[in-house]
N, C-alpha and C. Protein backbone atom coordinates (compact mmCIF):
# COMPACT_ATOMS: atom_id res chain seq x y z
N MET A 1 -15.39 -122.27 -122.35
CA MET A 1 -15.18 -120.67 -121.49
C MET A 1 -15.40 -121.24 -120.45
N ARG A 2 -15.08 -120.61 -119.49
CA ARG A 2 -15.53 -120.08 -117.91
C ARG A 2 -16.00 -118.60 -117.73
N VAL A 3 -17.07 -118.30 -117.35
CA VAL A 3 -17.53 -117.11 -117.58
C VAL A 3 -17.84 -117.02 -116.10
N TYR A 4 -17.60 -115.24 -115.48
CA TYR A 4 -17.96 -115.04 -114.39
C TYR A 4 -18.58 -113.82 -114.48
N LYS A 5 -19.74 -113.32 -113.57
CA LYS A 5 -20.45 -112.49 -114.30
C LYS A 5 -20.70 -111.68 -112.95
N ARG A 6 -20.46 -110.74 -112.75
CA ARG A 6 -20.45 -109.72 -111.61
C ARG A 6 -21.45 -108.67 -111.81
N GLY A 7 -21.75 -108.17 -110.39
CA GLY A 7 -22.27 -106.84 -110.94
C GLY A 7 -23.08 -106.00 -109.98
N TYR A 8 -22.84 -104.75 -109.45
CA TYR A 8 -23.26 -104.21 -108.27
C TYR A 8 -24.00 -102.55 -108.59
N THR A 9 -24.39 -102.42 -107.71
CA THR A 9 -25.08 -101.08 -107.50
C THR A 9 -24.38 -99.93 -106.61
N ILE A 10 -24.94 -98.77 -107.40
CA ILE A 10 -23.98 -97.77 -106.21
C ILE A 10 -25.00 -96.79 -106.06
N THR A 11 -25.68 -96.45 -104.79
CA THR A 11 -26.71 -95.33 -104.90
C THR A 11 -26.19 -94.13 -103.76
N VAL A 12 -26.36 -93.07 -104.92
CA VAL A 12 -25.25 -91.65 -104.40
C VAL A 12 -27.30 -91.12 -104.05
N GLU A 13 -27.10 -90.26 -102.69
CA GLU A 13 -28.30 -89.16 -102.36
C GLU A 13 -27.69 -87.95 -101.46
N ASN A 14 -28.59 -87.08 -101.80
CA ASN A 14 -28.36 -85.88 -101.64
C ASN A 14 -29.05 -85.30 -100.58
N PHE A 15 -28.20 -85.41 -99.20
CA PHE A 15 -28.72 -85.08 -97.92
C PHE A 15 -28.76 -83.27 -97.65
N LYS A 16 -28.16 -82.81 -98.13
CA LYS A 16 -27.93 -81.40 -98.19
C LYS A 16 -28.99 -80.54 -98.60
N PRO A 17 -29.45 -79.16 -98.40
CA PRO A 17 -30.88 -78.74 -98.24
C PRO A 17 -30.50 -77.94 -99.56
N GLY A 18 -29.42 -77.72 -100.43
CA GLY A 18 -29.49 -76.93 -101.72
C GLY A 18 -28.60 -78.36 -103.04
N VAL A 19 -28.59 -78.07 -103.89
CA VAL A 19 -28.18 -78.74 -104.88
C VAL A 19 -27.10 -79.08 -105.05
N GLU A 20 -25.64 -80.20 -105.17
CA GLU A 20 -24.90 -80.85 -105.46
C GLU A 20 -24.41 -80.94 -105.83
N THR A 21 -22.98 -81.28 -106.19
CA THR A 21 -22.25 -81.96 -107.50
C THR A 21 -22.14 -83.16 -106.99
N PHE A 22 -22.28 -84.20 -107.43
CA PHE A 22 -21.47 -85.51 -107.07
C PHE A 22 -20.43 -86.29 -107.71
N THR A 23 -19.57 -86.49 -107.72
CA THR A 23 -18.24 -87.50 -108.77
C THR A 23 -18.03 -88.45 -108.08
N VAL A 24 -18.59 -89.79 -108.92
CA VAL A 24 -18.22 -90.76 -108.67
C VAL A 24 -17.18 -91.62 -109.32
N HIS A 25 -16.21 -92.30 -108.68
CA HIS A 25 -15.40 -93.15 -109.21
C HIS A 25 -15.24 -94.45 -109.18
N ASP A 26 -15.11 -95.13 -110.04
CA ASP A 26 -15.28 -96.74 -109.85
C ASP A 26 -14.16 -97.44 -111.14
N GLN A 27 -14.08 -98.24 -110.87
CA GLN A 27 -13.45 -99.35 -111.98
C GLN A 27 -13.84 -100.66 -112.37
N ILE A 28 -14.07 -101.10 -113.29
CA ILE A 28 -13.84 -102.63 -113.71
C ILE A 28 -12.62 -103.11 -114.64
N PRO A 29 -12.78 -104.38 -114.02
CA PRO A 29 -11.64 -104.85 -114.38
C PRO A 29 -11.02 -105.16 -115.91
N VAL A 30 -9.84 -104.48 -116.38
CA VAL A 30 -9.55 -105.07 -117.65
C VAL A 30 -8.31 -106.22 -117.67
N SER A 31 -8.15 -106.85 -119.13
CA SER A 31 -7.66 -107.88 -119.19
C SER A 31 -6.12 -107.68 -119.23
N GLN A 32 -5.14 -108.51 -118.64
CA GLN A 32 -3.87 -107.85 -118.89
C GLN A 32 -3.00 -109.09 -119.67
N LYS A 33 -4.05 -110.38 -119.81
CA LYS A 33 -3.56 -111.52 -120.81
C LYS A 33 -4.65 -111.31 -121.81
N GLY A 34 -4.37 -112.22 -122.98
CA GLY A 34 -4.68 -112.00 -123.91
C GLY A 34 -6.14 -113.39 -123.91
N SER A 35 -5.66 -114.00 -122.85
CA SER A 35 -6.27 -115.64 -123.05
C SER A 35 -7.53 -115.17 -121.84
N LEU A 36 -7.55 -113.93 -121.30
CA LEU A 36 -9.11 -113.18 -120.24
C LEU A 36 -9.63 -112.28 -121.32
N GLU A 37 -11.05 -112.20 -121.56
CA GLU A 37 -11.59 -111.43 -122.11
C GLU A 37 -12.77 -110.73 -121.19
N VAL A 38 -12.55 -109.62 -120.81
CA VAL A 38 -13.98 -108.78 -120.03
C VAL A 38 -14.65 -107.76 -121.06
N THR A 39 -16.12 -108.53 -120.74
CA THR A 39 -17.07 -107.45 -121.34
C THR A 39 -18.07 -106.64 -120.72
N ALA A 40 -18.43 -105.47 -120.45
CA ALA A 40 -19.17 -104.50 -119.73
C ALA A 40 -20.76 -104.93 -120.75
N LEU A 41 -21.43 -105.46 -119.06
CA LEU A 41 -22.99 -105.45 -119.85
C LEU A 41 -23.31 -104.49 -119.58
N ARG A 42 -23.43 -103.55 -118.44
CA ARG A 42 -24.02 -102.44 -118.13
C ARG A 42 -23.48 -101.58 -117.54
N LEU A 43 -23.47 -100.64 -118.52
CA LEU A 43 -22.49 -99.24 -117.52
C LEU A 43 -23.85 -98.18 -117.91
N PRO A 44 -24.32 -97.48 -117.08
CA PRO A 44 -24.83 -96.09 -116.87
C PRO A 44 -24.33 -95.30 -117.88
N GLN A 45 -24.53 -94.60 -119.36
CA GLN A 45 -23.98 -93.82 -119.96
C GLN A 45 -24.27 -92.30 -119.90
N GLN A 46 -25.50 -92.48 -119.16
CA GLN A 46 -25.44 -90.51 -118.69
C GLN A 46 -24.02 -90.24 -117.79
N ASN A 47 -23.68 -88.91 -118.56
CA ASN A 47 -22.47 -88.31 -117.55
C ASN A 47 -20.98 -89.39 -117.43
N LEU A 48 -20.77 -90.56 -117.90
CA LEU A 48 -19.85 -91.49 -117.47
C LEU A 48 -18.98 -90.52 -118.66
N GLU A 49 -17.35 -90.86 -118.17
CA GLU A 49 -16.15 -90.95 -118.85
C GLU A 49 -15.71 -92.19 -118.50
N GLN A 50 -15.15 -92.82 -119.43
CA GLN A 50 -14.84 -93.77 -119.69
C GLN A 50 -12.73 -94.30 -119.91
N ASN A 51 -12.29 -94.89 -119.04
CA ASN A 51 -10.83 -95.55 -119.85
C ASN A 51 -10.72 -96.14 -119.36
N LYS A 52 -11.02 -97.13 -121.43
CA LYS A 52 -10.81 -98.17 -121.31
C LYS A 52 -9.40 -99.27 -120.93
N GLU A 53 -8.46 -98.19 -121.06
CA GLU A 53 -7.05 -98.82 -120.78
C GLU A 53 -7.17 -99.07 -119.59
N THR A 54 -7.99 -98.47 -118.65
CA THR A 54 -7.53 -98.50 -116.69
C THR A 54 -8.54 -99.31 -116.61
N GLY A 55 -9.68 -99.07 -117.39
CA GLY A 55 -11.30 -99.56 -117.03
C GLY A 55 -11.80 -98.55 -116.20
N GLU A 56 -10.85 -97.48 -115.80
CA GLU A 56 -11.87 -96.45 -114.66
C GLU A 56 -12.69 -95.53 -115.37
N LEU A 57 -14.17 -95.88 -114.47
CA LEU A 57 -15.45 -94.81 -114.62
C LEU A 57 -15.45 -93.51 -114.22
N THR A 58 -16.16 -93.03 -114.51
CA THR A 58 -16.37 -91.65 -113.86
C THR A 58 -17.46 -90.83 -114.21
N TRP A 59 -18.48 -90.84 -113.08
CA TRP A 59 -19.72 -89.91 -113.18
C TRP A 59 -19.94 -88.54 -112.72
N THR A 60 -20.41 -88.11 -113.11
CA THR A 60 -20.35 -86.19 -113.11
C THR A 60 -21.64 -85.84 -112.55
N PHE A 61 -22.43 -85.88 -111.87
CA PHE A 61 -24.04 -85.26 -111.82
C PHE A 61 -24.08 -84.21 -110.74
N ASP A 62 -25.62 -83.43 -110.94
CA ASP A 62 -26.05 -83.02 -109.93
C ASP A 62 -27.23 -83.02 -109.26
N LEU A 63 -27.31 -83.25 -108.34
CA LEU A 63 -28.64 -83.96 -107.35
C LEU A 63 -29.36 -82.60 -106.48
N LYS A 64 -30.85 -82.56 -106.74
CA LYS A 64 -31.53 -81.67 -105.87
C LYS A 64 -31.36 -82.74 -104.01
N PRO A 65 -32.31 -81.51 -103.64
CA PRO A 65 -32.17 -82.13 -102.17
C PRO A 65 -33.07 -83.24 -101.79
N GLN A 66 -32.51 -84.39 -101.31
CA GLN A 66 -33.29 -85.35 -101.05
C GLN A 66 -33.38 -86.61 -102.39
N GLU A 67 -32.43 -85.96 -103.57
CA GLU A 67 -33.05 -86.92 -104.82
C GLU A 67 -31.75 -88.02 -104.95
N LYS A 68 -31.86 -88.85 -105.25
CA LYS A 68 -31.22 -90.06 -105.17
C LYS A 68 -30.96 -90.83 -106.76
N LYS A 69 -29.93 -91.34 -106.53
CA LYS A 69 -29.08 -91.83 -108.15
C LYS A 69 -28.47 -93.31 -108.01
N THR A 70 -28.94 -93.86 -109.27
CA THR A 70 -28.35 -95.29 -108.38
C THR A 70 -27.79 -95.37 -110.12
N LEU A 71 -26.52 -95.94 -109.91
CA LEU A 71 -26.11 -96.71 -110.81
C LEU A 71 -25.73 -98.24 -110.69
N THR A 72 -25.90 -98.75 -112.10
CA THR A 72 -26.14 -100.12 -111.60
C THR A 72 -24.73 -100.59 -112.93
N VAL A 73 -23.81 -101.51 -112.23
CA VAL A 73 -22.30 -101.86 -113.27
C VAL A 73 -22.57 -103.48 -112.94
N ALA A 74 -22.52 -103.82 -114.49
CA ALA A 74 -22.46 -105.22 -114.69
C ALA A 74 -21.30 -105.47 -115.97
N PHE A 75 -20.65 -106.85 -115.38
CA PHE A 75 -19.57 -107.14 -116.84
C PHE A 75 -19.66 -108.42 -116.13
N ASN A 76 -19.34 -109.40 -117.58
CA ASN A 76 -18.52 -110.57 -117.43
C ASN A 76 -17.03 -110.77 -117.76
N VAL A 77 -15.98 -111.84 -117.29
CA VAL A 77 -15.19 -112.25 -117.67
C VAL A 77 -15.06 -113.99 -118.31
N GLU A 78 -14.43 -113.68 -119.14
CA GLU A 78 -14.49 -114.79 -119.77
C GLU A 78 -12.77 -115.33 -120.11
N CYS A 79 -13.08 -116.73 -119.59
CA CYS A 79 -11.35 -117.14 -119.53
C CYS A 79 -11.37 -118.69 -120.18
N ASP A 80 -10.37 -119.24 -119.99
CA ASP A 80 -10.32 -120.49 -120.08
C ASP A 80 -10.03 -121.18 -118.80
N PRO A 81 -11.16 -122.45 -118.76
CA PRO A 81 -11.60 -123.17 -117.59
C PRO A 81 -10.54 -123.53 -116.29
N LYS A 82 -9.11 -123.48 -116.96
CA LYS A 82 -7.76 -124.08 -116.17
C LYS A 82 -7.42 -122.51 -116.17
N ALA A 83 -7.59 -121.38 -116.42
CA ALA A 83 -7.15 -120.26 -116.15
C ALA A 83 -7.20 -119.96 -114.57
N GLU A 84 -6.31 -119.38 -113.83
CA GLU A 84 -6.51 -118.78 -112.60
C GLU A 84 -6.98 -117.49 -112.85
N VAL A 85 -8.26 -117.04 -112.22
CA VAL A 85 -8.62 -115.67 -111.89
C VAL A 85 -8.89 -115.20 -110.46
N VAL A 86 -8.00 -113.90 -110.31
CA VAL A 86 -7.64 -113.43 -108.84
C VAL A 86 -8.78 -112.05 -108.98
N GLY A 87 -9.33 -111.93 -107.19
CA GLY A 87 -9.95 -110.49 -107.49
C GLY A 87 -10.73 -110.27 -107.66
N LEU A 88 -11.62 -110.99 -108.76
CA LEU A 88 -12.74 -110.75 -108.75
C LEU A 88 -13.73 -110.36 -107.59
């Protein structure tokens, strides 16, 4: 098996003078073929709505002035060594 490891960080900061509500939309890959397997390694669970069929992720949260929130996402894509993987 070949394994592709991917991860990234999303940082949101409130620069306004009052409390603000933020919504972050993202997506992790979803296998369309049985020969590919996607495994979420790290998804911040607090305030997460996840659509497992489409891979869509949505977080909604409030931030106080100057407050910062970091979301770290990581996943593996496993496939046959001969498989062509596009779009990672």
